[in-house]
Amino acid sequence: MTPLTKVPTVAVIVLGLSACANMTPQQQRALSGGAMGAAGGAAIAAMTGGGSIVAGTLIGGGGGALIGSLLPDNWLGHKSN
């Protein structure tokens, strides 16, 4: 990673984490699902070599965010406050 790409990457991470303070549980699930999906999509695209890592990241992130936002509050049997 070149120095020119490190600065925007760090800025996106810091801004993304600073916006988490007043999120509803559904929004938190969507955010974490999107992050996990993006990481998984990028990893699968990199391991298979069959497609673009960026495309894998975007597809995985979108799918993870969608699934995370659609899960009910008590999907693991926990009750939210």
PDB file of N, CA and C in Angstrom:
ATOM      1  N   MET A   1       0.849  -1.171   0.000  1.00  0.00           N
ATOM      2  CA  MET A   1       0.000   0.000   0.000  1.00  0.00           C
ATOM      3  C   MET A   1       0.893   1.232   0.000  1.00  0.00           C
ATOM      4  N   THR A   2       0.634   2.121  -0.934  1.00  0.00           N
ATOM      5  CA  THR A   2       1.442   3.326  -1.037  1.00  0.00           C
ATOM      6  C   THR A   2       0.989   4.350   0.000  1.00  0.00           C
ATOM      7  N   PRO A   3       1.863   5.312   0.316  1.00  0.00           N
ATOM      8  CA  PRO A   3       1.482   6.331   1.298  1.00  0.00           C
ATOM      9  C   PRO A   3       0.235   7.126   0.883  1.00  0.00           C
ATOM     10  N   LEU A   4       0.019   7.284  -0.420  1.00  0.00           N
ATOM     11  CA  LEU A   4      -1.154   8.038  -0.870  1.00  0.00           C
ATOM     12  C   LEU A   4      -2.452   7.281  -0.624  1.00  0.00           C
ATOM     13  N   THR A   5      -2.401   5.968  -0.552  1.00  0.00           N
ATOM     14  CA  THR A   5      -3.618   5.204  -0.278  1.00  0.00           C
ATOM     15  C   THR A   5      -3.814   4.943   1.211  1.00  0.00           C
ATOM     16  N   LYS A   6      -2.765   5.089   1.999  1.00  0.00           N
ATOM     17  CA  LYS A   6      -2.896   4.869   3.445  1.00  0.00           C
ATOM     18  C   LYS A   6      -3.728   5.954   4.112  1.00  0.00           C
ATOM     19  N   VAL A   7      -3.555   7.189   3.711  1.00  0.00           N
ATOM     20  CA  VAL A   7      -4.261   8.300   4.343  1.00  0.00           C
ATOM     21  C   VAL A   7      -5.775   8.186   4.138  1.00  0.00           C
ATOM     22  N   PRO A   8      -6.273   7.987   2.912  1.00  0.00           N
ATOM     23  CA  PRO A   8      -7.729   7.831   2.766  1.00  0.00           C
ATOM     24  C   PRO A   8      -8.269   6.593   3.476  1.00  0.00           C
ATOM     25  N   THR A   9      -7.507   5.520   3.504  1.00  0.00           N
ATOM     26  CA  THR A   9      -7.950   4.308   4.187  1.00  0.00           C
ATOM     27  C   THR A   9      -8.118   4.553   5.672  1.00  0.00           C
ATOM     28  N   VAL A  10      -7.150   5.181   6.290  1.00  0.00           N
ATOM     29  CA  VAL A  10      -7.237   5.493   7.718  1.00  0.00           C
ATOM     30  C   VAL A  10      -8.380   6.473   7.980  1.00  0.00           C
ATOM     31  N   ALA A  11      -8.556   7.451   7.101  1.00  0.00           N
ATOM     32  CA  ALA A  11      -9.636   8.424   7.279  1.00  0.00           C
ATOM     33  C   ALA A  11     -11.004   7.752   7.223  1.00  0.00           C
ATOM     34  N   VAL A  12     -11.186   6.830   6.301  1.00  0.00           N
ATOM     35  CA  VAL A  12     -12.467   6.123   6.192  1.00  0.00           C
ATOM     36  C   VAL A  12     -12.717   5.282   7.440  1.00  0.00           C
ATOM     37  N   ILE A  13     -11.697   4.616   7.933  1.00  0.00           N
ATOM     38  CA  ILE A  13     -11.858   3.793   9.141  1.00  0.00           C
ATOM     39  C   ILE A  13     -12.203   4.661  10.344  1.00  0.00           C
ATOM     40  N   VAL A  14     -11.500   5.768  10.524  1.00  0.00           N
ATOM     41  CA  VAL A  14     -11.751   6.640  11.669  1.00  0.00           C
ATOM     42  C   VAL A  14     -13.150   7.250  11.579  1.00  0.00           C
ATOM     43  N   LEU A  15     -13.546   7.721  10.414  1.00  0.00           N
ATOM     44  CA  LEU A  15     -14.873   8.310  10.262  1.00  0.00           C
ATOM     45  C   LEU A  15     -15.961   7.257  10.463  1.00  0.00           C
ATOM     46  N   GLY A  16     -15.725   6.064   9.969  1.00  0.00           N
ATOM     47  CA  GLY A  16     -16.702   4.994  10.138  1.00  0.00           C
ATOM     48  C   GLY A  16     -16.889   4.612  11.591  1.00  0.00           C
ATOM     49  N   LEU A  17     -15.814   4.553  12.338  1.00  0.00           N
ATOM     50  CA  LEU A  17     -15.916   4.192  13.753  1.00  0.00           C
ATOM     51  C   LEU A  17     -16.484   5.320  14.605  1.00  0.00           C
ATOM     52  N   SER A  18     -16.271   6.545  14.212  1.00  0.00           N
ATOM     53  CA  SER A  18     -16.781   7.659  15.000  1.00  0.00           C
ATOM     54  C   SER A  18     -18.288   7.814  14.856  1.00  0.00           C
ATOM     55  N   ALA A  19     -18.870   7.222  13.843  1.00  0.00           N
ATOM     56  CA  ALA A  19     -20.312   7.344  13.610  1.00  0.00           C
ATOM     57  C   ALA A  19     -21.118   6.268  14.322  1.00  0.00           C
ATOM     58  N   CYS A  20     -20.502   5.430  15.132  1.00  0.00           N
ATOM     59  CA  CYS A  20     -21.181   4.291  15.755  1.00  0.00           C
ATOM     60  C   CYS A  20     -21.824   4.603  17.093  1.00  0.00           C
ATOM     61  N   ALA A  21     -21.691   5.804  17.603  1.00  0.00           N
ATOM     62  CA  ALA A  21     -22.088   6.092  18.977  1.00  0.00           C
ATOM     63  C   ALA A  21     -23.586   5.946  19.230  1.00  0.00           C
ATOM     64  N   ASN A  22     -24.430   6.477  18.388  1.00  0.00           N
ATOM     65  CA  ASN A  22     -25.866   6.510  18.658  1.00  0.00           C
ATOM     66  C   ASN A  22     -26.650   5.661  17.658  1.00  0.00           C
ATOM     67  N   MET A  23     -26.178   4.470  17.410  1.00  0.00           N
ATOM     68  CA  MET A  23     -26.838   3.605  16.436  1.00  0.00           C
ATOM     69  C   MET A  23     -27.828   2.673  17.131  1.00  0.00           C
ATOM     70  N   THR A  24     -28.897   2.355  16.419  1.00  0.00           N
ATOM     71  CA  THR A  24     -29.850   1.372  16.922  1.00  0.00           C
ATOM     72  C   THR A  24     -29.231  -0.015  16.764  1.00  0.00           C
ATOM     73  N   PRO A  25     -29.764  -1.014  17.454  1.00  0.00           N
ATOM     74  CA  PRO A  25     -29.230  -2.375  17.275  1.00  0.00           C
ATOM     75  C   PRO A  25     -29.292  -2.843  15.819  1.00  0.00           C
ATOM     76  N   GLN A  26     -30.337  -2.469  15.095  1.00  0.00           N
ATOM     77  CA  GLN A  26     -30.450  -2.865  13.691  1.00  0.00           C
ATOM     78  C   GLN A  26     -29.340  -2.214  12.867  1.00  0.00           C
ATOM     79  N   GLN A  27     -29.055  -0.964  13.111  1.00  0.00           N
ATOM     80  CA  GLN A  27     -27.985  -0.284  12.395  1.00  0.00           C
ATOM     81  C   GLN A  27     -26.623  -0.884  12.729  1.00  0.00           C
ATOM     82  N   GLN A  28     -26.430  -1.270  13.997  1.00  0.00           N
ATOM     83  CA  GLN A  28     -25.179  -1.908  14.389  1.00  0.00           C
ATOM     84  C   GLN A  28     -25.006  -3.249  13.690  1.00  0.00           C
ATOM     85  N   ARG A  29     -26.097  -4.023  13.594  1.00  0.00           N
ATOM     86  CA  ARG A  29     -26.021  -5.309  12.887  1.00  0.00           C
ATOM     87  C   ARG A  29     -25.722  -5.111  11.411  1.00  0.00           C
ATOM     88  N   ALA A  30     -26.317  -4.090  10.804  1.00  0.00           N
ATOM     89  CA  ALA A  30     -26.062  -3.817   9.395  1.00  0.00           C
ATOM     90  C   ALA A  30     -24.601  -3.420   9.171  1.00  0.00           C
ATOM     91  N   LEU A  31     -24.070  -2.603  10.057  1.00  0.00           N
ATOM     92  CA  LEU A  31     -22.680  -2.168   9.921  1.00  0.00           C
ATOM     93  C   LEU A  31     -21.708  -3.329  10.104  1.00  0.00           C
ATOM     94  N   SER A  32     -21.907  -4.111  11.151  1.00  0.00           N
ATOM     95  CA  SER A  32     -20.987  -5.229  11.379  1.00  0.00           C
ATOM     96  C   SER A  32     -21.168  -6.303  10.312  1.00  0.00           C
ATOM     97  N   GLY A  33     -22.393  -6.532   9.866  1.00  0.00           N
ATOM     98  CA  GLY A  33     -22.612  -7.494   8.784  1.00  0.00           C
ATOM     99  C   GLY A  33     -21.948  -7.048   7.497  1.00  0.00           C
ATOM    100  N   GLY A  34     -22.029  -5.762   7.217  1.00  0.00           N
ATOM    101  CA  GLY A  34     -21.375  -5.230   6.027  1.00  0.00           C
ATOM    102  C   GLY A  34     -19.864  -5.353   6.090  1.00  0.00           C
ATOM    103  N   ALA A  35     -19.296  -5.088   7.259  1.00  0.00           N
ATOM    104  CA  ALA A  35     -17.844  -5.196   7.415  1.00  0.00           C
ATOM    105  C   ALA A  35     -17.379  -6.646   7.270  1.00  0.00           C
ATOM    106  N   MET A  36     -18.119  -7.561   7.905  1.00  0.00           N
ATOM    107  CA  MET A  36     -17.733  -8.972   7.792  1.00  0.00           C
ATOM    108  C   MET A  36     -17.934  -9.492   6.380  1.00  0.00           C
ATOM    109  N   GLY A  37     -19.016  -9.073   5.736  1.00  0.00           N
ATOM    110  CA  GLY A  37     -19.259  -9.487   4.364  1.00  0.00           C
ATOM    111  C   GLY A  37     -18.210  -8.952   3.401  1.00  0.00           C
ATOM    112  N   ALA A  38     -17.796  -7.707   3.609  1.00  0.00           N
ATOM    113  CA  ALA A  38     -16.763  -7.115   2.755  1.00  0.00           C
ATOM    114  C   ALA A  38     -15.439  -7.853   2.908  1.00  0.00           C
ATOM    115  N   ALA A  39     -15.087  -8.165   4.145  1.00  0.00           N
ATOM    116  CA  ALA A  39     -13.834  -8.897   4.375  1.00  0.00           C
ATOM    117  C   ALA A  39     -13.907 -10.292   3.763  1.00  0.00           C
ATOM    118  N   GLY A  40     -15.038 -10.948   3.956  1.00  0.00           N
ATOM    119  CA  GLY A  40     -15.196 -12.288   3.384  1.00  0.00           C
ATOM    120  C   GLY A  40     -15.197 -12.272   1.871  1.00  0.00           C
ATOM    121  N   GLY A  41     -15.890 -11.311   1.280  1.00  0.00           N
ATOM    122  CA  GLY A  41     -15.922 -11.205  -0.172  1.00  0.00           C
ATOM    123  C   GLY A  41     -14.555 -10.928  -0.765  1.00  0.00           C
ATOM    124  N   ALA A  42     -13.791 -10.065  -0.120  1.00  0.00           N
ATOM    125  CA  ALA A  42     -12.435  -9.765  -0.597  1.00  0.00           C
ATOM    126  C   ALA A  42     -11.534 -10.991  -0.468  1.00  0.00           C
ATOM    127  N   ALA A  43     -11.665 -11.707   0.657  1.00  0.00           N
ATOM    128  CA  ALA A  43     -10.829 -12.891   0.864  1.00  0.00           C
ATOM    129  C   ALA A  43     -11.152 -13.979  -0.150  1.00  0.00           C
ATOM    130  N   ILE A  44     -12.424 -14.212  -0.404  1.00  0.00           N
ATOM    131  CA  ILE A  44     -12.804 -15.246  -1.372  1.00  0.00           C
ATOM    132  C   ILE A  44     -12.337 -14.864  -2.767  1.00  0.00           C
ATOM    133  N   ALA A  45     -12.499 -13.587  -3.144  1.00  0.00           N
ATOM    134  CA  ALA A  45     -12.046 -13.156  -4.471  1.00  0.00           C
ATOM    135  C   ALA A  45     -10.534 -13.287  -4.606  1.00  0.00           C
ATOM    136  N   ALA A  46      -9.801 -12.986  -3.529  1.00  0.00           N
ATOM    137  CA  ALA A  46      -8.342 -13.088  -3.579  1.00  0.00           C
ATOM    138  C   ALA A  46      -7.884 -14.540  -3.650  1.00  0.00           C
ATOM    139  N   MET A  47      -8.565 -15.429  -2.901  1.00  0.00           N
ATOM    140  CA  MET A  47      -8.150 -16.833  -2.879  1.00  0.00           C
ATOM    141  C   MET A  47      -8.484 -17.556  -4.179  1.00  0.00           C
ATOM    142  N   THR A  48      -9.631 -17.233  -4.761  1.00  0.00           N
ATOM    143  CA  THR A  48     -10.016 -17.936  -5.981  1.00  0.00           C
ATOM    144  C   THR A  48      -9.352 -17.353  -7.211  1.00  0.00           C
ATOM    145  N   GLY A  49      -9.047 -16.074  -7.179  1.00  0.00           N
ATOM    146  CA  GLY A  49      -8.412 -15.438  -8.325  1.00  0.00           C
ATOM    147  C   GLY A  49      -9.325 -15.328  -9.529  1.00  0.00           C
ATOM    148  N   GLY A  50     -10.596 -15.607  -9.335  1.00  0.00           N
ATOM    149  CA  GLY A  50     -11.523 -15.619 -10.462  1.00  0.00           C
ATOM    150  C   GLY A  50     -12.201 -14.302 -10.732  1.00  0.00           C
ATOM    151  N   GLY A  51     -11.967 -13.308  -9.920  1.00  0.00           N
ATOM    152  CA  GLY A  51     -12.641 -12.035 -10.128  1.00  0.00           C
ATOM    153  C   GLY A  51     -11.909 -10.899  -9.449  1.00  0.00           C
ATOM    154  N   SER A  52     -12.505  -9.752  -9.520  1.00  0.00           N
ATOM    155  CA  SER A  52     -11.919  -8.557  -8.934  1.00  0.00           C
ATOM    156  C   SER A  52     -12.109  -8.555  -7.420  1.00  0.00           C
ATOM    157  N   ILE A  53     -11.069  -8.198  -6.702  1.00  0.00           N
ATOM    158  CA  ILE A  53     -11.160  -8.101  -5.244  1.00  0.00           C
ATOM    159  C   ILE A  53     -12.120  -6.979  -4.853  1.00  0.00           C
ATOM    160  N   VAL A  54     -12.123  -5.903  -5.618  1.00  0.00           N
ATOM    161  CA  VAL A  54     -13.034  -4.800  -5.337  1.00  0.00           C
ATOM    162  C   VAL A  54     -14.483  -5.251  -5.503  1.00  0.00           C
ATOM    163  N   ALA A  55     -14.764  -5.983  -6.566  1.00  0.00           N
ATOM    164  CA  ALA A  55     -16.123  -6.479  -6.781  1.00  0.00           C
ATOM    165  C   ALA A  55     -16.536  -7.434  -5.666  1.00  0.00           C
ATOM    166  N   GLY A  56     -15.638  -8.313  -5.247  1.00  0.00           N
ATOM    167  CA  GLY A  56     -15.932  -9.217  -4.147  1.00  0.00           C
ATOM    168  C   GLY A  56     -16.206  -8.474  -2.851  1.00  0.00           C
ATOM    169  N   THR A  57     -15.444  -7.420  -2.613  1.00  0.00           N
ATOM    170  CA  THR A  57     -15.640  -6.610  -1.421  1.00  0.00           C
ATOM    171  C   THR A  57     -17.000  -5.915  -1.444  1.00  0.00           C
ATOM    172  N   LEU A  58     -17.343  -5.328  -2.577  1.00  0.00           N
ATOM    173  CA  LEU A  58     -18.614  -4.611  -2.683  1.00  0.00           C
ATOM    174  C   LEU A  58     -19.810  -5.548  -2.588  1.00  0.00           C
ATOM    175  N   ILE A  59     -19.738  -6.679  -3.254  1.00  0.00           N
ATOM    176  CA  ILE A  59     -20.846  -7.636  -3.208  1.00  0.00           C
ATOM    177  C   ILE A  59     -20.986  -8.221  -1.809  1.00  0.00           C
ATOM    178  N   GLY A  60     -19.872  -8.627  -1.207  1.00  0.00           N
ATOM    179  CA  GLY A  60     -19.918  -9.174   0.148  1.00  0.00           C
ATOM    180  C   GLY A  60     -20.393  -8.161   1.166  1.00  0.00           C
ATOM    181  N   GLY A  61     -19.935  -6.922   1.050  1.00  0.00           N
ATOM    182  CA  GLY A  61     -20.355  -5.873   1.973  1.00  0.00           C
ATOM    183  C   GLY A  61     -21.832  -5.561   1.853  1.00  0.00           C
ATOM    184  N   GLY A  62     -22.320  -5.483   0.633  1.00  0.00           N
ATOM    185  CA  GLY A  62     -23.741  -5.224   0.426  1.00  0.00           C
ATOM    186  C   GLY A  62     -24.611  -6.347   0.957  1.00  0.00           C
ATOM    187  N   GLY A  63     -24.206  -7.574   0.674  1.00  0.00           N
ATOM    188  CA  GLY A  63     -24.963  -8.728   1.159  1.00  0.00           C
ATOM    189  C   GLY A  63     -24.942  -8.829   2.670  1.00  0.00           C
ATOM    190  N   GLY A  64     -23.790  -8.605   3.268  1.00  0.00           N
ATOM    191  CA  GLY A  64     -23.676  -8.658   4.724  1.00  0.00           C
ATOM    192  C   GLY A  64     -24.494  -7.576   5.410  1.00  0.00           C
ATOM    193  N   ALA A  65     -24.481  -6.370   4.843  1.00  0.00           N
ATOM    194  CA  ALA A  65     -25.269  -5.280   5.415  1.00  0.00           C
ATOM    195  C   ALA A  65     -26.761  -5.569   5.300  1.00  0.00           C
ATOM    196  N   LEU A  66     -27.173  -6.115   4.177  1.00  0.00           N
ATOM    197  CA  LEU A  66     -28.586  -6.448   3.985  1.00  0.00           C
ATOM    198  C   LEU A  66     -29.039  -7.508   4.975  1.00  0.00           C
ATOM    199  N   ILE A  67     -28.263  -8.571   5.089  1.00  0.00           N
ATOM    200  CA  ILE A  67     -28.630  -9.644   6.019  1.00  0.00           C
ATOM    201  C   ILE A  67     -28.611  -9.135   7.457  1.00  0.00           C
ATOM    202  N   GLY A  68     -27.601  -8.368   7.819  1.00  0.00           N
ATOM    203  CA  GLY A  68     -27.526  -7.830   9.175  1.00  0.00           C
ATOM    204  C   GLY A  68     -28.699  -6.928   9.519  1.00  0.00           C
ATOM    205  N   SER A  69     -29.155  -6.136   8.552  1.00  0.00           N
ATOM    206  CA  SER A  69     -30.271  -5.229   8.833  1.00  0.00           C
ATOM    207  C   SER A  69     -31.608  -5.956   8.881  1.00  0.00           C
ATOM    208  N   LEU A  70     -31.705  -7.107   8.228  1.00  0.00           N
ATOM    209  CA  LEU A  70     -32.963  -7.849   8.206  1.00  0.00           C
ATOM    210  C   LEU A  70     -33.143  -8.792   9.395  1.00  0.00           C
ATOM    211  N   LEU A  71     -32.074  -9.064  10.122  1.00  0.00           N
ATOM    212  CA  LEU A  71     -32.196  -9.958  11.271  1.00  0.00           C
ATOM    213  C   LEU A  71     -33.016  -9.299  12.376  1.00  0.00           C
ATOM    214  N   PRO A  72     -33.876 -10.060  13.048  1.00  0.00           N
ATOM    215  CA  PRO A  72     -34.655  -9.470  14.147  1.00  0.00           C
ATOM    216  C   PRO A  72     -33.769  -9.212  15.368  1.00  0.00           C
ATOM    217  N   ASP A  73     -34.277  -8.382  16.278  1.00  0.00           N
ATOM    218  CA  ASP A  73     -33.507  -8.018  17.471  1.00  0.00           C
ATOM    219  C   ASP A  73     -33.159  -9.220  18.342  1.00  0.00           C
ATOM    220  N   ASN A  74     -33.996 -10.228  18.363  1.00  0.00           N
ATOM    221  CA  ASN A  74     -33.759 -11.380  19.235  1.00  0.00           C
ATOM    222  C   ASN A  74     -33.328 -12.611  18.448  1.00  0.00           C
ATOM    223  N   TRP A  75     -32.551 -12.442  17.413  1.00  0.00           N
ATOM    224  CA  TRP A  75     -32.205 -13.554  16.535  1.00  0.00           C
ATOM    225  C   TRP A  75     -31.317 -14.587  17.201  1.00  0.00           C
ATOM    226  N   LEU A  76     -30.657 -14.249  18.280  1.00  0.00           N
ATOM    227  CA  LEU A  76     -29.865 -15.225  19.029  1.00  0.00           C
ATOM    228  C   LEU A  76     -30.519 -15.579  20.356  1.00  0.00           C
ATOM    229  N   GLY A  77     -31.762 -15.197  20.512  1.00  0.00           N
ATOM    230  CA  GLY A  77     -32.454 -15.465  21.746  1.00  0.00           C
ATOM    231  C   GLY A  77     -32.248 -14.411  22.809  1.00  0.00           C
ATOM    232  N   HIS A  78     -31.495 -13.357  22.474  1.00  0.00           N
ATOM    233  CA  HIS A  78     -31.244 -12.280  23.431  1.00  0.00           C
ATOM    234  C   HIS A  78     -32.329 -11.217  23.265  1.00  0.00           C
ATOM    235  N   LYS A  79     -32.699 -10.625  24.353  1.00  0.00           N
ATOM    236  CA  LYS A  79     -33.676  -9.543  24.296  1.00  0.00           C
ATOM    237  C   LYS A  79     -32.941  -8.225  24.343  1.00  0.00           C
ATOM    238  N   SER A  80     -33.324  -7.323  23.446  1.00  0.00           N
ATOM    239  CA  SER A  80     -32.696  -5.996  23.453  1.00  0.00           C
ATOM    240  C   SER A  80     -33.403  -5.113  24.460  1.00  0.00           C
ATOM    241  N   ASN A  81     -32.680  -4.098  24.908  1.00  0.00           N
ATOM    242  CA  ASN A  81     -33.230  -3.194  25.933  1.00  0.00           C
ATOM    243  C   ASN A  81     -34.168  -2.199  25.332  1.00  0.00           C
TER     244      ASN A  81
END
